[in-house]
Amino acid sequence: MAGVEEKVRLIGIDTPETKDPRKQVQCFGKAASQFTKDLIGNNNVRLEADPINTNRDRYNRLLRYVYLPDGTFVNAEIVKQGYGFAYTSFPFSRIEPFKQYQADAEREGRGLWSSCDIIRSDNGQIKTGNQ
């Protein structure tokens, strides 16, 4: 899609809020945003659709897995390093590995797991408290 600009929603992850004007910036939100920017840098990335997911979300963003030229799986790395949660509200083909990445990050106290109050809702969603 050279020359085409698209908004992309990374499949399988949820990061603390930084952009929604109706919400306060959440704990570790700025760090998660910076981590992602630093990880991707100015690289061209490879986008991969999920075979059991829709092509776009309700905001018309492409739903994709993102890979760097060296093969780094960006979606997974964000969860592994504790900069986001496994987003399990919608099915995706790699849900089980993402749950494990999150469990490992939590157990090892990586990223937001060592710095934030974690809020777990009855429906299984996990968020950080506000800054």
C-alpha atoms as a PDB file:
ATOM      1  CA  MET A   1       0.000   0.000   0.000  1.00  0.00           C
ATOM      2  CA  ALA A   2       2.819   2.372  -0.836  1.00  0.00           C
ATOM      3  CA  GLY A   3       1.714   5.978  -0.630  1.00  0.00           C
ATOM      4  CA  VAL A   4      -1.549   5.117   1.110  1.00  0.00           C
ATOM      5  CA  GLU A   5      -2.063   6.240   4.696  1.00  0.00           C
ATOM      6  CA  GLU A   6      -4.248   4.033   6.886  1.00  0.00           C
ATOM      7  CA  LYS A   7      -5.042   3.893  10.578  1.00  0.00           C
ATOM      8  CA  VAL A   8      -4.212   0.438  11.932  1.00  0.00           C
ATOM      9  CA  ARG A   9      -5.523  -1.254  15.072  1.00  0.00           C
ATOM     10  CA  LEU A  10      -3.051  -3.851  16.295  1.00  0.00           C
ATOM     11  CA  ILE A  11      -4.866  -7.156  16.738  1.00  0.00           C
ATOM     12  CA  GLY A  12      -4.732  -8.772  20.157  1.00  0.00           C
ATOM     13  CA  ILE A  13      -3.544  -5.858  22.259  1.00  0.00           C
ATOM     14  CA  ASP A  14      -4.968  -3.092  24.377  1.00  0.00           C
ATOM     15  CA  THR A  15      -2.720  -0.338  25.676  1.00  0.00           C
ATOM     16  CA  PRO A  16      -3.425   2.291  28.334  1.00  0.00           C
ATOM     17  CA  GLU A  17      -5.363   5.307  27.044  1.00  0.00           C
ATOM     18  CA  THR A  18      -3.551   8.416  25.841  1.00  0.00           C
ATOM     19  CA  LYS A  19      -5.632   9.747  22.945  1.00  0.00           C
ATOM     20  CA  ASP A  20      -9.331   9.643  23.897  1.00  0.00           C
ATOM     21  CA  PRO A  21     -10.285  13.230  24.842  1.00  0.00           C
ATOM     22  CA  ARG A  22     -13.121  11.896  27.020  1.00  0.00           C
ATOM     23  CA  LYS A  23     -10.717   9.949  29.239  1.00  0.00           C
ATOM     24  CA  GLN A  24      -7.740  10.767  31.411  1.00  0.00           C
ATOM     25  CA  VAL A  25      -4.339   9.483  30.357  1.00  0.00           C
ATOM     26  CA  GLN A  26      -3.925   6.115  32.049  1.00  0.00           C
ATOM     27  CA  CYS A  27      -0.917   4.863  33.969  1.00  0.00           C
ATOM     28  CA  PHE A  28       1.852   3.769  31.587  1.00  0.00           C
ATOM     29  CA  GLY A  29      -0.063   5.182  28.599  1.00  0.00           C
ATOM     30  CA  LYS A  30       2.655   7.609  27.542  1.00  0.00           C
ATOM     31  CA  ALA A  31       5.356   4.982  28.088  1.00  0.00           C
ATOM     32  CA  ALA A  32       3.421   2.438  25.995  1.00  0.00           C
ATOM     33  CA  SER A  33       2.951   4.952  23.202  1.00  0.00           C
ATOM     34  CA  GLN A  34       6.652   5.872  23.234  1.00  0.00           C
ATOM     35  CA  PHE A  35       7.711   2.202  23.337  1.00  0.00           C
ATOM     36  CA  THR A  36       5.635   1.480  20.237  1.00  0.00           C
ATOM     37  CA  LYS A  37       6.962   4.540  18.382  1.00  0.00           C
ATOM     38  CA  ASP A  38      10.546   3.601  19.276  1.00  0.00           C
ATOM     39  CA  LEU A  39      10.017  -0.046  18.319  1.00  0.00           C
ATOM     40  CA  ILE A  40       8.587   0.759  14.893  1.00  0.00           C
ATOM     41  CA  GLY A  41      10.694   3.850  14.242  1.00  0.00           C
ATOM     42  CA  ASN A  42      10.782   4.846  10.577  1.00  0.00           C
ATOM     43  CA  ASN A  43      10.654   1.242   9.398  1.00  0.00           C
ATOM     44  CA  ASN A  44       8.401   0.013   6.675  1.00  0.00           C
ATOM     45  CA  VAL A  45       6.293  -2.676   8.283  1.00  0.00           C
ATOM     46  CA  ARG A  46       4.522  -5.763   7.017  1.00  0.00           C
ATOM     47  CA  LEU A  47       0.821  -5.941   7.840  1.00  0.00           C
ATOM     48  CA  GLU A  48      -0.915  -9.292   8.174  1.00  0.00           C
ATOM     49  CA  ALA A  49      -4.654  -9.890   8.484  1.00  0.00           C
ATOM     50  CA  ASP A  50      -6.054 -12.467  10.895  1.00  0.00           C
ATOM     51  CA  PRO A  51      -7.967 -15.289   9.178  1.00  0.00           C
ATOM     52  CA  ILE A  52     -10.785 -15.301  11.756  1.00  0.00           C
ATOM     53  CA  ASN A  53     -11.073 -11.549  12.277  1.00  0.00           C
ATOM     54  CA  THR A  54     -12.847  -8.849  10.308  1.00  0.00           C
ATOM     55  CA  ASN A  55     -10.823  -6.599   8.027  1.00  0.00           C
ATOM     56  CA  ARG A  56     -11.733  -3.367   9.866  1.00  0.00           C
ATOM     57  CA  ASP A  57     -13.048  -2.327  13.263  1.00  0.00           C
ATOM     58  CA  ARG A  58     -16.034  -0.096  13.988  1.00  0.00           C
ATOM     59  CA  TYR A  59     -13.808   2.983  13.570  1.00  0.00           C
ATOM     60  CA  ASN A  60     -12.790   1.786  10.081  1.00  0.00           C
ATOM     61  CA  ARG A  61      -9.205   1.045  11.170  1.00  0.00           C
ATOM     62  CA  LEU A  62      -7.438  -1.883   9.529  1.00  0.00           C
ATOM     63  CA  LEU A  63      -7.114  -4.798  11.965  1.00  0.00           C
ATOM     64  CA  ARG A  64      -3.636  -6.224  11.513  1.00  0.00           C
ATOM     65  CA  TYR A  65      -0.649  -8.007  12.956  1.00  0.00           C
ATOM     66  CA  VAL A  66       2.443  -5.829  12.429  1.00  0.00           C
ATOM     67  CA  TYR A  67       5.948  -7.099  11.676  1.00  0.00           C
ATOM     68  CA  LEU A  68       9.241  -5.218  11.412  1.00  0.00           C
ATOM     69  CA  PRO A  69      11.717  -5.963   8.598  1.00  0.00           C
ATOM     70  CA  ASP A  70      13.811  -8.088  11.013  1.00  0.00           C
ATOM     71  CA  GLY A  71      10.759 -10.255  11.803  1.00  0.00           C
ATOM     72  CA  THR A  72       9.916  -8.691  15.171  1.00  0.00           C
ATOM     73  CA  PHE A  73       6.219  -9.257  15.867  1.00  0.00           C
ATOM     74  CA  VAL A  74       5.188  -5.811  17.162  1.00  0.00           C
ATOM     75  CA  ASN A  75       1.802  -6.826  18.622  1.00  0.00           C
ATOM     76  CA  ALA A  76       3.386  -9.611  20.679  1.00  0.00           C
ATOM     77  CA  GLU A  77       6.371  -7.528  21.771  1.00  0.00           C
ATOM     78  CA  ILE A  78       4.117  -4.848  23.274  1.00  0.00           C
ATOM     79  CA  VAL A  79       2.378  -7.443  25.464  1.00  0.00           C
ATOM     80  CA  LYS A  80       5.566  -9.399  26.263  1.00  0.00           C
ATOM     81  CA  GLN A  81       7.341  -6.275  27.512  1.00  0.00           C
ATOM     82  CA  GLY A  82       4.382  -5.160  29.644  1.00  0.00           C
ATOM     83  CA  TYR A  83       3.340  -2.141  27.588  1.00  0.00           C
ATOM     84  CA  GLY A  84      -0.135  -3.516  26.926  1.00  0.00           C
ATOM     85  CA  PHE A  85      -2.619  -6.252  27.677  1.00  0.00           C
ATOM     86  CA  ALA A  86      -3.880  -9.183  25.646  1.00  0.00           C
ATOM     87  CA  TYR A  87      -7.176  -7.899  24.230  1.00  0.00           C
ATOM     88  CA  THR A  88      -9.462 -10.904  24.380  1.00  0.00           C
ATOM     89  CA  SER A  89     -12.894  -9.298  23.921  1.00  0.00           C
ATOM     90  CA  PHE A  90     -12.920 -10.389  20.278  1.00  0.00           C
ATOM     91  CA  PRO A  91     -11.648 -13.690  18.895  1.00  0.00           C
ATOM     92  CA  PHE A  92      -8.387 -13.849  16.983  1.00  0.00           C
ATOM     93  CA  SER A  93      -6.330 -16.810  15.860  1.00  0.00           C
ATOM     94  CA  ARG A  94      -3.386 -16.182  18.207  1.00  0.00           C
ATOM     95  CA  ILE A  95      -5.361 -15.541  21.397  1.00  0.00           C
ATOM     96  CA  GLU A  96      -3.726 -18.311  23.466  1.00  0.00           C
ATOM     97  CA  PRO A  97      -0.118 -17.176  22.906  1.00  0.00           C
ATOM     98  CA  PHE A  98      -1.154 -13.600  23.723  1.00  0.00           C
ATOM     99  CA  LYS A  99      -2.706 -14.728  27.011  1.00  0.00           C
ATOM    100  CA  GLN A 100       0.588 -16.453  27.821  1.00  0.00           C
ATOM    101  CA  TYR A 101       2.653 -13.371  26.891  1.00  0.00           C
ATOM    102  CA  GLN A 102       0.535 -11.345  29.306  1.00  0.00           C
ATOM    103  CA  ALA A 103       0.775 -13.938  32.093  1.00  0.00           C
ATOM    104  CA  ASP A 104       4.573 -14.017  31.712  1.00  0.00           C
ATOM    105  CA  ALA A 105       4.849 -10.206  31.773  1.00  0.00           C
ATOM    106  CA  GLU A 106       2.616 -10.023  34.857  1.00  0.00           C
ATOM    107  CA  ARG A 107       4.485 -12.795  36.688  1.00  0.00           C
ATOM    108  CA  GLU A 108       7.841 -11.160  35.929  1.00  0.00           C
ATOM    109  CA  GLY A 109       6.615  -7.642  36.776  1.00  0.00           C
ATOM    110  CA  ARG A 110       7.481  -6.153  33.397  1.00  0.00           C
ATOM    111  CA  GLY A 111       6.367  -2.678  32.403  1.00  0.00           C
ATOM    112  CA  LEU A 112       2.961  -1.602  33.659  1.00  0.00           C
ATOM    113  CA  TRP A 113       2.712  -4.727  35.819  1.00  0.00           C
ATOM    114  CA  SER A 114       5.275  -3.229  38.208  1.00  0.00           C
ATOM    115  CA  SER A 115       4.164   0.403  38.043  1.00  0.00           C
ATOM    116  CA  CYS A 116       0.369   0.669  37.860  1.00  0.00           C
ATOM    117  CA  ASP A 117      -2.797  -0.155  39.719  1.00  0.00           C
ATOM    118  CA  ILE A 118      -4.449  -2.834  37.606  1.00  0.00           C
ATOM    119  CA  ILE A 119      -8.234  -2.805  37.312  1.00  0.00           C
ATOM    120  CA  ARG A 120      -9.913  -6.070  36.322  1.00  0.00           C
ATOM    121  CA  SER A 121     -13.573  -5.864  35.303  1.00  0.00           C
ATOM    122  CA  ASP A 122     -16.179  -8.601  35.612  1.00  0.00           C
ATOM    123  CA  ASN A 123     -16.169  -9.074  31.832  1.00  0.00           C
ATOM    124  CA  GLY A 124     -12.459  -9.902  31.825  1.00  0.00           C
ATOM    125  CA  GLN A 125     -11.165  -6.544  30.624  1.00  0.00           C
ATOM    126  CA  ILE A 126      -7.994  -5.222  32.231  1.00  0.00           C
ATOM    127  CA  LYS A 127      -7.052  -1.546  32.452  1.00  0.00           C
ATOM    128  CA  THR A 128      -4.605   0.602  34.344  1.00  0.00           C
ATOM    129  CA  GLY A 129      -5.685   3.370  36.674  1.00  0.00           C
ATOM    130  CA  ASN A 130      -5.269   7.013  35.722  1.00  0.00           C
ATOM    131  CA  GLN A 131      -1.934   8.787  36.021  1.00  0.00           C
END
